[in-house]
């Protein structure tokens, strides 16, 4: 079996997948979601350590931190919806 674009023999299953993964670039939204997840994990770990040491946690800090994460998630959803409505390339539909 040959690759349609290059005419060279196509790579076998796992090799082809690795090539495709290397070629894909991460979109901005993926980086933002990754950073939000890492921050949330670090924040939860820090609050757990503070609770174990002090016996209490700063409730207001937790409330505002989670609220800011929610606002950021809503903004990402708005960006994605605007791309879908505008018929952008990343609208979730496959190109033919």
C-alpha atoms as a PDB file:
ATOM      1  CA  UNK A   1       0.000   0.000   0.000  1.00  0.00           C
ATOM      2  CA  UNK A   2       1.366   3.444  -0.911  1.00  0.00           C
ATOM      3  CA  UNK A   3       0.810   6.896   0.481  1.00  0.00           C
ATOM      4  CA  UNK A   4      -1.409   8.888  -1.889  1.00  0.00           C
ATOM      5  CA  UNK A   5       0.427  12.164  -1.397  1.00  0.00           C
ATOM      6  CA  UNK A   6       4.041  11.050  -1.614  1.00  0.00           C
ATOM      7  CA  UNK A   7       3.810   7.804  -3.595  1.00  0.00           C
ATOM      8  CA  UNK A   8       6.067   6.091  -1.050  1.00  0.00           C
ATOM      9  CA  UNK A   9       5.087   2.909   0.764  1.00  0.00           C
ATOM     10  CA  UNK A  10       2.740   3.697   3.643  1.00  0.00           C
ATOM     11  CA  UNK A  11       3.926   3.049   7.183  1.00  0.00           C
ATOM     12  CA  UNK A  12       2.414   0.211   9.186  1.00  0.00           C
ATOM     13  CA  UNK A  13      -0.234   0.876  11.889  1.00  0.00           C
ATOM     14  CA  UNK A  14       1.650   2.221  14.960  1.00  0.00           C
ATOM     15  CA  UNK A  15       4.284   4.005  12.859  1.00  0.00           C
ATOM     16  CA  UNK A  16       1.620   5.804  10.854  1.00  0.00           C
ATOM     17  CA  UNK A  17      -0.134   6.926  14.034  1.00  0.00           C
ATOM     18  CA  UNK A  18       3.123   8.250  15.500  1.00  0.00           C
ATOM     19  CA  UNK A  19       3.811  10.241  12.343  1.00  0.00           C
ATOM     20  CA  UNK A  20       0.343  11.724  12.391  1.00  0.00           C
ATOM     21  CA  UNK A  21       0.705  12.712  16.051  1.00  0.00           C
ATOM     22  CA  UNK A  22       4.051  14.364  15.388  1.00  0.00           C
ATOM     23  CA  UNK A  23       2.636  16.353  12.498  1.00  0.00           C
ATOM     24  CA  UNK A  24      -0.402  17.633  14.384  1.00  0.00           C
ATOM     25  CA  UNK A  25       0.072  20.982  16.039  1.00  0.00           C
ATOM     26  CA  UNK A  26      -1.683  21.753  19.272  1.00  0.00           C
ATOM     27  CA  UNK A  27      -4.289  24.434  18.932  1.00  0.00           C
ATOM     28  CA  UNK A  28      -4.388  27.370  21.323  1.00  0.00           C
ATOM     29  CA  UNK A  29      -7.500  26.045  23.036  1.00  0.00           C
ATOM     30  CA  UNK A  30      -5.724  22.760  23.770  1.00  0.00           C
ATOM     31  CA  UNK A  31      -2.835  24.605  25.405  1.00  0.00           C
ATOM     32  CA  UNK A  32      -5.249  26.685  27.485  1.00  0.00           C
ATOM     33  CA  UNK A  33      -7.153  23.586  28.618  1.00  0.00           C
ATOM     34  CA  UNK A  34      -3.901  21.809  29.442  1.00  0.00           C
ATOM     35  CA  UNK A  35      -2.671  24.757  31.496  1.00  0.00           C
ATOM     36  CA  UNK A  36      -6.041  25.000  33.295  1.00  0.00           C
ATOM     37  CA  UNK A  37      -5.863  21.311  34.187  1.00  0.00           C
ATOM     38  CA  UNK A  38      -2.298  21.539  35.455  1.00  0.00           C
ATOM     39  CA  UNK A  39      -3.111  24.642  37.494  1.00  0.00           C
ATOM     40  CA  UNK A  40      -6.192  22.975  39.000  1.00  0.00           C
ATOM     41  CA  UNK A  41      -4.169  19.901  39.955  1.00  0.00           C
ATOM     42  CA  UNK A  42      -1.458  22.048  41.576  1.00  0.00           C
ATOM     43  CA  UNK A  43      -4.062  24.177  43.365  1.00  0.00           C
ATOM     44  CA  UNK A  44      -5.890  21.141  44.761  1.00  0.00           C
ATOM     45  CA  UNK A  45      -2.598  19.655  45.932  1.00  0.00           C
ATOM     46  CA  UNK A  46      -1.608  22.925  47.617  1.00  0.00           C
ATOM     47  CA  UNK A  47      -4.985  23.239  49.354  1.00  0.00           C
ATOM     48  CA  UNK A  48      -4.722  19.632  50.583  1.00  0.00           C
ATOM     49  CA  UNK A  49      -1.265  20.306  52.037  1.00  0.00           C
ATOM     50  CA  UNK A  50      -2.463  23.519  53.681  1.00  0.00           C
ATOM     51  CA  UNK A  51      -5.436  21.661  55.172  1.00  0.00           C
ATOM     52  CA  UNK A  52      -3.190  18.907  56.556  1.00  0.00           C
ATOM     53  CA  UNK A  53      -0.795  21.426  58.127  1.00  0.00           C
ATOM     54  CA  UNK A  54      -3.158  24.177  59.346  1.00  0.00           C
ATOM     55  CA  UNK A  55      -6.391  22.234  59.777  1.00  0.00           C
ATOM     56  CA  UNK A  56      -8.321  24.775  57.681  1.00  0.00           C
ATOM     57  CA  UNK A  57      -8.315  26.157  54.148  1.00  0.00           C
ATOM     58  CA  UNK A  58      -8.804  29.693  52.768  1.00  0.00           C
ATOM     59  CA  UNK A  59     -12.424  29.414  51.575  1.00  0.00           C
ATOM     60  CA  UNK A  60     -12.477  32.760  49.766  1.00  0.00           C
ATOM     61  CA  UNK A  61      -9.370  31.907  47.759  1.00  0.00           C
ATOM     62  CA  UNK A  62     -10.892  28.604  46.690  1.00  0.00           C
ATOM     63  CA  UNK A  63     -14.166  30.273  45.711  1.00  0.00           C
ATOM     64  CA  UNK A  64     -12.516  32.930  43.549  1.00  0.00           C
ATOM     65  CA  UNK A  65     -10.049  30.519  41.952  1.00  0.00           C
ATOM     66  CA  UNK A  66     -12.761  28.097  40.879  1.00  0.00           C
ATOM     67  CA  UNK A  67     -14.910  31.012  39.690  1.00  0.00           C
ATOM     68  CA  UNK A  68     -12.108  32.310  37.489  1.00  0.00           C
ATOM     69  CA  UNK A  69     -11.640  28.835  35.996  1.00  0.00           C
ATOM     70  CA  UNK A  70     -15.352  28.722  35.194  1.00  0.00           C
ATOM     71  CA  UNK A  71     -15.216  32.089  33.462  1.00  0.00           C
ATOM     72  CA  UNK A  72     -12.230  30.957  31.396  1.00  0.00           C
ATOM     73  CA  UNK A  73     -14.056  27.773  30.383  1.00  0.00           C
ATOM     74  CA  UNK A  74     -17.096  29.829  29.323  1.00  0.00           C
ATOM     75  CA  UNK A  75     -14.879  32.067  27.193  1.00  0.00           C
ATOM     76  CA  UNK A  76     -13.348  29.027  25.475  1.00  0.00           C
ATOM     77  CA  UNK A  77     -16.844  27.686  24.800  1.00  0.00           C
ATOM     78  CA  UNK A  78     -17.807  31.038  23.296  1.00  0.00           C
ATOM     79  CA  UNK A  79     -14.771  31.003  21.011  1.00  0.00           C
ATOM     80  CA  UNK A  80     -15.583  27.473  19.855  1.00  0.00           C
ATOM     81  CA  UNK A  81     -19.241  28.336  19.233  1.00  0.00           C
ATOM     82  CA  UNK A  82     -18.307  31.410  17.214  1.00  0.00           C
ATOM     83  CA  UNK A  83     -16.052  29.255  15.025  1.00  0.00           C
ATOM     84  CA  UNK A  84     -18.873  26.762  14.488  1.00  0.00           C
ATOM     85  CA  UNK A  85     -21.383  29.475  13.589  1.00  0.00           C
ATOM     86  CA  UNK A  86     -18.901  31.181  11.273  1.00  0.00           C
ATOM     87  CA  UNK A  87     -18.248  27.871   9.497  1.00  0.00           C
ATOM     88  CA  UNK A  88     -14.611  27.773  10.464  1.00  0.00           C
ATOM     89  CA  UNK A  89     -12.204  24.992   9.693  1.00  0.00           C
ATOM     90  CA  UNK A  90     -12.365  23.578  13.231  1.00  0.00           C
ATOM     91  CA  UNK A  91     -16.149  23.430  13.324  1.00  0.00           C
ATOM     92  CA  UNK A  92     -16.144  19.740  14.173  1.00  0.00           C
ATOM     93  CA  UNK A  93     -17.247  18.646  10.705  1.00  0.00           C
ATOM     94  CA  UNK A  94     -15.070  16.512   8.472  1.00  0.00           C
ATOM     95  CA  UNK A  95     -13.910  18.006   5.218  1.00  0.00           C
ATOM     96  CA  UNK A  96     -14.486  16.017   2.039  1.00  0.00           C
END
